[in-house]
């Protein structure tokens, strides 16, 4: 294994320091406990949006801190939930009279620790659970995982909070976006966790893993490597069956890379997915292509489709200024 690091023990802290230095006009870094927060204070009464999760998924979540998205992000160690004290400290630092909304991906550690932080927080607060991974049956175990659709949720709810929506309205909007969003991923390789030093699972050169998560988990089935067209048809058919977009329905199509797939290939995947839904009369009104919810160095990608209404479309287009997303500012 070859990695740019000094020590696995200091990797997260050194990375966060570097990130904050690179984007010092947008964010600040608190070292103890770890969190990233907006450097510019939000307006009084604005709902504070806080998310977080294990590191290794960059730019999720720290890269989405800034105007129009998150007020703070709590990064845990690689693929490890942040701790309640991180979440509590971040909430206390950015709460500005409008209460706090925690945006939580549906993983046991994240859910439990955000709940504990909420119990210790002495201001109005609520949680929004993201569960967009349709590779998992809806009622299996803890239910579906939160994956690349989290970016869509954070952008749309972030715009609403910036525009003055209150805590209840932000949560209701977030739930609407979650229920209108479905994602599924495919991996061509595993990823290598620095502390482990080897791939999390073995896969042959002529195989692919369908329905992978973002923590190096195996998928729901292993298949022989197929053409890009066949892969897109497989993923898109499952998403389409879940959401059942009507002819003329406007959608946002997000092709997300897992960290080890070049844009040359991600753009090819987007073109095929665009063709898949366009041929069915669906209006692909907005797009997002790139590495936004990664899994360290995994080669692979996911498709995300969100059914848009006029409110969601307007909020997606609203100005945003973060390290990873910026337009209209």
Protein backbone atom coordinates (compact mmCIF):
# COMPACT_ATOMS: atom_id res chain seq x y z
CA UNK A 1 0.00 0.00 0.00
CA UNK A 2 1.30 3.45 -0.94
CA UNK A 3 -0.34 6.47 0.71
CA UNK A 4 0.71 10.05 1.30
CA UNK A 5 0.77 10.17 5.09
CA UNK A 6 3.00 10.71 8.07
CA UNK A 7 1.07 8.45 10.41
CA UNK A 8 -2.35 6.83 10.32
CA UNK A 9 -2.90 8.30 13.79
CA UNK A 10 -2.47 11.90 12.59
CA UNK A 11 -3.94 11.58 9.09
CA UNK A 12 -7.36 13.05 9.89
CA UNK A 13 -6.08 16.02 11.89
CA UNK A 14 -3.43 16.90 9.30
CA UNK A 15 -5.95 16.58 6.48
CA UNK A 16 -8.48 18.83 8.22
CA UNK A 17 -5.82 21.44 8.91
CA UNK A 18 -4.80 21.42 5.27
CA UNK A 19 -8.43 21.65 4.14
CA UNK A 20 -9.08 24.65 6.38
CA UNK A 21 -5.95 26.41 5.14
CA UNK A 22 -6.92 25.80 1.52
CA UNK A 23 -10.39 27.25 2.09
CA UNK A 24 -9.71 29.82 4.79
CA UNK A 25 -12.17 32.25 3.21
CA UNK A 26 -15.03 29.78 3.78
CA UNK A 27 -14.32 27.57 6.82
CA UNK A 28 -12.47 27.33 10.09
CA UNK A 29 -11.18 24.22 11.82
CA UNK A 30 -11.66 23.42 15.49
CA UNK A 31 -9.15 20.79 16.61
CA UNK A 32 -10.59 19.70 19.96
CA UNK A 33 -13.03 18.17 19.33
CA UNK A 34 -12.78 18.03 15.52
CA UNK A 35 -15.29 19.98 13.48
CA UNK A 36 -15.37 22.32 10.49
CA UNK A 37 -17.58 25.43 10.66
CA UNK A 38 -18.51 28.38 8.46
CA UNK A 39 -16.16 31.28 8.97
CA UNK A 40 -18.84 33.86 8.19
CA UNK A 41 -21.59 33.98 10.84
CA UNK A 42 -25.08 33.17 9.61
CA UNK A 43 -27.86 35.70 10.00
CA UNK A 44 -29.66 35.72 13.38
CA UNK A 45 -32.52 33.23 13.51
CA UNK A 46 -31.24 31.02 10.71
CA UNK A 47 -31.60 27.25 11.23
CA UNK A 48 -28.13 25.74 11.69
CA UNK A 49 -27.53 22.65 9.55
CA UNK A 50 -24.99 20.16 10.84
CA UNK A 51 -23.95 16.86 9.30
CA UNK A 52 -21.06 14.48 9.67
CA UNK A 53 -19.78 10.96 9.36
CA UNK A 54 -16.59 9.05 8.98
CA UNK A 55 -13.83 10.60 6.92
CA UNK A 56 -12.81 8.98 3.65
CA UNK A 57 -15.91 10.30 1.83
CA UNK A 58 -14.51 13.72 0.94
CA UNK A 59 -15.76 16.21 -0.05
CA UNK A 60 -18.76 14.93 1.96
CA UNK A 61 -19.31 16.54 4.51
CA UNK A 62 -16.69 19.18 5.23
CA UNK A 63 -16.58 20.26 1.60
CA UNK A 64 -20.23 21.30 1.84
CA UNK A 65 -19.80 23.74 4.72
CA UNK A 66 -20.48 27.32 3.65
CA UNK A 67 -23.13 29.67 2.34
CA UNK A 68 -26.20 27.83 1.11
CA UNK A 69 -25.38 24.43 2.61
CA UNK A 70 -24.04 23.31 5.98
CA UNK A 71 -23.09 25.47 8.93
CA UNK A 72 -20.80 22.79 10.36
CA UNK A 73 -19.55 19.26 9.69
CA UNK A 74 -18.22 16.68 12.13
CA UNK A 75 -15.68 14.27 10.58
CA UNK A 76 -14.91 11.02 12.37
CA UNK A 77 -11.92 8.81 11.80
CA UNK A 78 -11.88 6.88 8.50
CA UNK A 79 -15.25 5.16 8.07
CA UNK A 80 -16.00 5.76 11.76
CA UNK A 81 -18.85 7.82 13.18
CA UNK A 82 -17.99 11.14 14.80
CA UNK A 83 -18.54 11.31 18.54
CA UNK A 84 -21.36 13.10 20.36
CA UNK A 85 -18.97 15.67 21.83
CA UNK A 86 -17.98 16.72 18.29
CA UNK A 87 -21.62 17.18 17.32
CA UNK A 88 -22.46 19.03 20.52
CA UNK A 89 -19.50 21.41 20.20
CA UNK A 90 -20.29 22.12 16.55
CA UNK A 91 -23.96 22.79 17.33
CA UNK A 92 -23.12 25.15 20.16
CA UNK A 93 -20.65 27.00 17.95
CA UNK A 94 -23.03 27.68 15.04
CA UNK A 95 -26.53 27.80 16.57
CA UNK A 96 -27.80 31.35 16.08
CA UNK A 97 -31.33 31.42 17.44
CA UNK A 98 -33.10 29.30 14.81
CA UNK A 99 -32.40 25.87 16.24
CA UNK A 100 -30.33 23.01 14.83
CA UNK A 101 -31.15 20.39 12.21
CA UNK A 102 -28.86 17.35 12.17
CA UNK A 103 -28.65 15.69 8.74
CA UNK A 104 -27.78 12.06 9.42
CA UNK A 105 -26.90 9.22 7.04
CA UNK A 106 -28.62 6.00 8.08
CA UNK A 107 -25.78 4.09 9.75
CA UNK A 108 -26.07 2.74 13.29
CA UNK A 109 -23.16 4.70 14.76
CA UNK A 110 -24.14 7.99 13.14
CA UNK A 111 -27.77 7.65 14.22
CA UNK A 112 -26.89 6.75 17.82
CA UNK A 113 -24.27 9.47 18.29
CA UNK A 114 -26.38 12.25 16.78
CA UNK A 115 -29.24 11.18 19.08
CA UNK A 116 -26.94 11.42 22.12
CA UNK A 117 -25.73 14.86 21.02
CA UNK A 118 -29.34 16.00 20.62
CA UNK A 119 -30.16 14.90 24.14
CA UNK A 120 -27.34 17.10 25.47
CA UNK A 121 -28.23 20.14 23.37
CA UNK A 122 -30.20 22.87 25.16
CA UNK A 123 -31.81 24.52 22.13
CA UNK A 124 -34.54 23.52 19.69
CA UNK A 125 -33.28 20.77 17.39
CA UNK A 126 -34.37 17.91 15.18
CA UNK A 127 -32.82 15.22 12.96
CA UNK A 128 -33.30 14.31 9.32
CA UNK A 129 -32.42 10.74 8.27
CA UNK A 130 -31.10 10.13 4.74
CA UNK A 131 -31.69 6.62 3.35
CA UNK A 132 -31.43 6.70 -0.44
CA UNK A 133 -29.58 3.43 -1.17
CA UNK A 134 -32.08 1.25 -3.05
CA UNK A 135 -29.68 -1.70 -3.25
CA UNK A 136 -30.98 -2.67 0.20
CA UNK A 137 -34.60 -3.74 0.81
CA UNK A 138 -36.44 -0.94 2.61
CA UNK A 139 -37.29 -2.95 5.72
CA UNK A 140 -34.10 -5.03 6.08
CA UNK A 141 -32.13 -4.55 9.29
CA UNK A 142 -31.67 -0.83 9.96
CA UNK A 143 -33.13 -0.06 6.56
CA UNK A 144 -31.46 1.64 3.65
CA UNK A 145 -28.14 3.43 3.93
CA UNK A 146 -27.54 7.08 3.26
CA UNK A 147 -25.16 7.51 0.34
CA UNK A 148 -24.73 10.02 -2.53
CA UNK A 149 -28.25 11.41 -2.21
CA UNK A 150 -27.01 13.13 0.95
CA UNK A 151 -25.38 15.81 -1.20
CA UNK A 152 -28.72 16.60 -2.84
CA UNK A 153 -30.48 16.82 0.52
CA UNK A 154 -27.85 19.10 2.03
CA UNK A 155 -27.93 21.48 -0.95
CA UNK A 156 -31.72 21.85 -1.16
CA UNK A 157 -32.32 22.09 2.58
CA UNK A 158 -29.33 24.39 2.93
CA UNK A 159 -30.83 26.80 0.42
CA UNK A 160 -34.15 26.77 2.27
CA UNK A 161 -32.47 27.51 5.60
CA UNK A 162 -30.51 30.34 3.99
CA UNK A 163 -33.77 31.78 2.64
CA UNK A 164 -35.38 31.82 6.10
CA UNK A 165 -37.28 28.53 6.43
CA UNK A 166 -37.78 27.54 10.07
CA UNK A 167 -36.73 24.25 11.69
CA UNK A 168 -39.99 22.40 11.04
CA UNK A 169 -40.08 23.54 7.41
CA UNK A 170 -36.46 22.51 6.83
CA UNK A 171 -37.10 19.03 8.20
CA UNK A 172 -40.31 18.60 6.19
CA UNK A 173 -38.54 19.70 3.02
CA UNK A 174 -35.65 17.35 3.74
CA UNK A 175 -38.00 14.42 4.17
CA UNK A 176 -39.64 15.29 0.84
CA UNK A 177 -36.24 15.28 -0.88
CA UNK A 178 -35.23 11.99 0.75
CA UNK A 179 -38.42 10.27 -0.41
CA UNK A 180 -37.91 11.68 -3.93
CA UNK A 181 -34.33 10.38 -4.16
CA UNK A 182 -32.88 6.95 -4.97
CA UNK A 183 -29.26 5.88 -5.43
CA UNK A 184 -27.31 2.75 -6.27
CA UNK A 185 -23.60 2.12 -6.78
CA UNK A 186 -21.19 -0.26 -8.48
CA UNK A 187 -17.53 -0.91 -7.65
CA UNK A 188 -14.77 -2.19 -9.92
CA UNK A 189 -12.24 -2.36 -7.08
CA UNK A 190 -12.28 -2.26 -3.31
CA UNK A 191 -10.80 0.58 -1.29
CA UNK A 192 -7.82 0.55 1.07
CA UNK A 193 -8.32 1.90 4.59
CA UNK A 194 -4.95 3.39 5.65
CA UNK A 195 -4.95 1.74 9.07
CA UNK A 196 -5.79 -1.65 7.53
CA UNK A 197 -3.20 -1.46 4.78
CA UNK A 198 -4.97 -3.76 2.34
CA UNK A 199 -8.20 -3.79 0.29
CA UNK A 200 -11.36 -4.39 2.33
CA UNK A 201 -12.44 -7.13 -0.09
CA UNK A 202 -10.88 -9.02 -3.00
CA UNK A 203 -12.33 -8.78 -6.48
CA UNK A 204 -11.01 -10.19 -9.74
CA UNK A 205 -10.21 -8.05 -12.76
CA UNK A 206 -13.20 -9.49 -14.63
CA UNK A 207 -15.71 -8.89 -11.81
CA UNK A 208 -17.74 -6.00 -10.43
CA UNK A 209 -19.62 -5.52 -7.16
CA UNK A 210 -23.20 -4.22 -7.56
CA UNK A 211 -24.93 -2.29 -4.78
CA UNK A 212 -21.86 -1.37 -2.74
CA UNK A 213 -21.97 1.04 0.17
CA UNK A 214 -19.47 3.83 0.82
CA UNK A 215 -17.47 2.12 3.59
CA UNK A 216 -15.81 -0.59 1.54
CA UNK A 217 -18.69 -3.01 2.11
CA UNK A 218 -19.40 -5.74 -0.38
CA UNK A 219 -22.44 -5.17 -2.56
CA UNK A 220 -25.65 -7.14 -2.91
CA UNK A 221 -24.27 -9.29 -5.74
CA UNK A 222 -21.09 -9.90 -7.67
CA UNK A 223 -21.33 -10.03 -11.44
CA UNK A 224 -19.04 -10.46 -14.40
CA UNK A 225 -17.67 -7.15 -15.64
CA UNK A 226 -19.98 -5.78 -18.32
CA UNK A 227 -20.04 -2.85 -20.71
CA UNK A 228 -20.80 0.63 -19.39
CA UNK A 229 -24.19 0.53 -21.15
CA UNK A 230 -25.13 -2.72 -19.43
CA UNK A 231 -24.02 -1.40 -16.03
CA UNK A 232 -26.07 1.79 -16.40
CA UNK A 233 -29.12 -0.14 -17.57
CA UNK A 234 -28.88 -2.41 -14.51
CA UNK A 235 -28.55 0.44 -11.99
CA UNK A 236 -31.05 2.75 -13.69
CA UNK A 237 -33.72 0.05 -13.94
CA UNK A 238 -33.66 -0.51 -10.17
CA UNK A 239 -33.80 3.23 -9.46
CA UNK A 240 -36.56 3.71 -12.03
CA UNK A 241 -38.63 0.93 -10.50
CA UNK A 242 -38.26 2.59 -7.08
CA UNK A 243 -39.20 6.15 -8.08
CA UNK A 244 -41.38 5.49 -11.15
CA UNK A 245 -40.91 8.93 -12.72
CA UNK A 246 -43.80 9.89 -15.00
CA UNK A 247 -43.30 11.12 -18.55
CA UNK A 248 -42.49 14.81 -18.39
CA UNK A 249 -41.27 14.59 -14.77
CA UNK A 250 -38.28 16.87 -14.13
CA UNK A 251 -35.37 15.17 -12.37
CA UNK A 252 -31.87 15.83 -11.13
CA UNK A 253 -29.37 13.20 -12.29
CA UNK A 254 -26.23 12.80 -10.18
CA UNK A 255 -23.33 10.58 -11.23
CA UNK A 256 -21.03 10.27 -8.23
CA UNK A 257 -17.51 8.88 -8.32
CA UNK A 258 -16.11 6.81 -5.45
CA UNK A 259 -12.66 8.41 -5.60
CA UNK A 260 -10.76 6.24 -8.07
CA UNK A 261 -12.73 6.75 -11.28
CA UNK A 262 -11.69 9.50 -13.71
CA UNK A 263 -14.11 12.10 -15.03
CA UNK A 264 -13.57 10.65 -18.51
CA UNK A 265 -15.54 7.59 -17.37
CA UNK A 266 -18.01 9.41 -15.10
CA UNK A 267 -19.09 11.66 -17.97
CA UNK A 268 -19.59 8.60 -20.16
CA UNK A 269 -21.81 7.08 -17.44
CA UNK A 270 -23.79 10.32 -17.20
CA UNK A 271 -24.43 10.34 -20.95
CA UNK A 272 -25.76 6.78 -20.85
CA UNK A 273 -27.96 7.48 -17.83
CA UNK A 274 -29.27 10.68 -19.43
CA UNK A 275 -30.17 8.66 -22.53
CA UNK A 276 -31.87 5.96 -20.42
CA UNK A 277 -34.32 8.38 -18.80
CA UNK A 278 -34.73 10.70 -21.78
CA UNK A 279 -35.88 7.78 -23.90
CA UNK A 280 -38.59 7.19 -21.28
CA UNK A 281 -39.85 10.77 -21.54
CA UNK A 282 -38.24 11.96 -18.30
CA UNK A 283 -36.91 15.53 -18.31
CA UNK A 284 -33.34 15.53 -16.97
CA UNK A 285 -33.45 19.16 -15.86
CA UNK A 286 -30.32 19.34 -13.68
CA UNK A 287 -27.07 17.41 -13.40
CA UNK A 288 -24.16 16.85 -11.06
CA UNK A 289 -21.15 14.77 -12.13
CA UNK A 290 -17.99 14.16 -10.12
CA UNK A 291 -16.53 12.84 -6.88
CA UNK A 292 -18.80 14.09 -4.10
CA UNK A 293 -19.44 11.07 -1.84
CA UNK A 294 -16.32 8.98 -2.13
CA UNK A 295 -15.01 5.77 -0.63
CA UNK A 296 -11.30 6.61 -0.37
CA UNK A 297 -9.66 5.22 -3.53
CA UNK A 298 -12.41 2.87 -4.71
CA UNK A 299 -12.93 2.66 -8.47
CA UNK A 300 -16.65 2.83 -9.11
CA UNK A 301 -19.61 5.16 -9.19
CA UNK A 302 -23.23 5.55 -8.20
CA UNK A 303 -26.32 6.90 -9.91
CA UNK A 304 -28.72 9.15 -8.01
CA UNK A 305 -32.06 10.36 -9.32
CA UNK A 306 -34.18 12.99 -7.55
CA UNK A 307 -37.72 13.83 -8.64
CA UNK A 308 -37.96 17.61 -8.71
CA UNK A 309 -40.87 19.96 -8.15
CA UNK A 310 -40.71 23.71 -8.70
CA UNK A 311 -39.70 24.43 -5.10
CA UNK A 312 -36.86 21.90 -5.14
CA UNK A 313 -35.65 23.10 -8.54
CA UNK A 314 -35.52 26.70 -7.34
CA UNK A 315 -33.64 25.73 -4.18
CA UNK A 316 -31.15 23.60 -6.13
CA UNK A 317 -30.41 26.62 -8.34
CA UNK A 318 -30.06 28.99 -5.36
CA UNK A 319 -26.57 30.43 -4.72
CA UNK A 320 -24.08 28.24 -2.89
CA UNK A 321 -20.46 28.86 -1.90
CA UNK A 322 -18.60 25.91 -0.40
CA UNK A 323 -15.30 24.21 -1.12
CA UNK A 324 -16.96 21.56 -3.29
CA UNK A 325 -20.12 23.24 -4.67
CA UNK A 326 -20.35 26.85 -5.74
CA UNK A 327 -22.54 28.77 -8.12
CA UNK A 328 -24.59 31.97 -8.18
CA UNK A 329 -22.41 33.85 -5.67
